[in-house]
Amino acid sequence: MADGVNKFLGDTPGRIIVKLLVVSVIVGFLMTMFGWTPYGILYTVRNFFLDLWHSGFAALGSVGDYLLLGAAVVIPVFIILRVLSFRR
């Protein structure tokens, strides 16, 4: 059981907790320095997608079309490969 957890997390749970705590402190400090809040980031991302939707994806041009088409194939393949490699 522990080997499965270690394999899934990539390291022991204790080390992962310490790494997450350190990264959380660094990210929290940077967010404070820039005056960002989690709600502000979510609101900005939400507004970006709403504006993108309302503009009919014209803002991205052909690059956006390529990105969406590629992502429609790449992301499911990535998820499938990740799930299959996890079982090994």
Protein backbone atom coordinates (compact mmCIF):
# COMPACT_ATOMS: atom_id res chain seq x y z
CA MET A 1 0.00 0.00 0.00
CA ALA A 2 2.76 2.46 0.91
CA ASP A 3 4.62 1.71 -2.32
CA GLY A 4 1.52 2.61 -4.31
CA VAL A 5 1.16 5.91 -2.46
CA ASN A 6 4.86 6.69 -2.92
CA LYS A 7 4.63 5.84 -6.60
CA PHE A 8 1.54 8.01 -7.07
CA LEU A 9 3.00 11.00 -5.18
CA GLY A 10 6.52 10.57 -6.53
CA ASP A 11 8.08 10.54 -3.06
CA THR A 12 7.20 9.71 0.54
CA PRO A 13 4.16 11.51 1.97
CA GLY A 14 6.26 13.31 4.59
CA ARG A 15 8.65 14.75 2.03
CA ILE A 16 5.77 15.77 -0.23
CA ILE A 17 4.11 17.62 2.68
CA VAL A 18 7.36 19.48 3.43
CA LYS A 19 7.83 20.38 -0.24
CA LEU A 20 4.23 21.60 -0.52
CA LEU A 21 4.62 23.70 2.63
CA VAL A 22 7.80 25.35 1.32
CA VAL A 23 6.28 26.06 -2.09
CA SER A 24 3.09 27.36 -0.44
CA VAL A 25 5.07 29.84 1.67
CA ILE A 26 7.02 31.05 -1.38
CA VAL A 27 3.88 31.41 -3.52
CA GLY A 28 2.04 33.12 -0.66
CA PHE A 29 4.89 35.60 -0.23
CA LEU A 30 4.98 36.38 -3.97
CA MET A 31 1.21 36.77 -4.12
CA THR A 32 1.37 39.20 -1.19
CA MET A 33 4.15 41.18 -2.85
CA PHE A 34 2.10 41.57 -6.05
CA GLY A 35 -1.18 42.14 -4.20
CA TRP A 36 -2.83 39.08 -5.72
CA THR A 37 -5.56 37.07 -4.03
CA PRO A 38 -6.89 33.63 -4.95
CA TYR A 39 -10.31 35.17 -5.59
CA GLY A 40 -8.77 37.85 -7.80
CA ILE A 41 -6.93 35.26 -9.87
CA LEU A 42 -10.06 33.14 -10.30
CA TYR A 43 -12.10 36.23 -11.18
CA THR A 44 -9.51 37.28 -13.79
CA VAL A 45 -9.41 33.80 -15.35
CA ARG A 46 -13.22 33.68 -15.37
CA ASN A 47 -13.42 37.08 -17.05
CA PHE A 48 -10.81 36.03 -19.61
CA PHE A 49 -12.83 33.00 -20.67
CA LEU A 50 -16.10 34.94 -20.67
CA ASP A 51 -14.57 37.67 -22.85
CA LEU A 52 -13.09 35.00 -25.09
CA TRP A 53 -16.47 33.30 -25.38
CA HIS A 54 -18.28 36.55 -26.10
CA SER A 55 -15.77 37.55 -28.76
CA GLY A 56 -16.33 34.25 -30.54
CA PHE A 57 -12.68 33.21 -30.20
CA ALA A 58 -11.78 35.88 -32.77
CA ALA A 59 -9.26 37.32 -30.33
CA LEU A 60 -7.03 34.28 -30.63
CA GLY A 61 -7.15 34.03 -34.39
CA SER A 62 -5.81 30.93 -36.05
CA VAL A 63 -3.37 30.23 -33.20
CA GLY A 64 -6.31 29.74 -30.88
CA ASP A 65 -7.95 27.39 -33.36
CA TYR A 66 -4.78 25.34 -33.58
CA LEU A 67 -4.49 25.31 -29.79
CA LEU A 68 -8.06 24.12 -29.27
CA LEU A 69 -7.82 21.46 -31.97
CA GLY A 70 -4.51 20.19 -30.65
CA ALA A 71 -5.68 20.22 -27.05
CA ALA A 72 -8.77 18.20 -28.00
CA VAL A 73 -6.41 15.37 -29.00
CA VAL A 74 -3.36 15.85 -26.77
CA ILE A 75 -5.05 16.19 -23.37
CA PRO A 76 -7.13 12.99 -23.55
CA VAL A 77 -4.11 11.05 -24.85
CA PHE A 78 -1.98 12.44 -22.02
CA ILE A 79 -4.57 11.42 -19.41
CA ILE A 80 -4.90 7.92 -20.88
CA LEU A 81 -1.12 7.43 -20.99
CA ARG A 82 -0.78 8.71 -17.42
CA VAL A 83 -3.46 6.32 -16.15
CA LEU A 84 -1.92 3.38 -18.01
CA SER A 85 1.61 4.15 -16.77
CA PHE A 86 0.34 4.45 -13.18
CA ARG A 87 -0.80 0.83 -13.19
CA ARG A 88 2.74 -0.44 -13.83
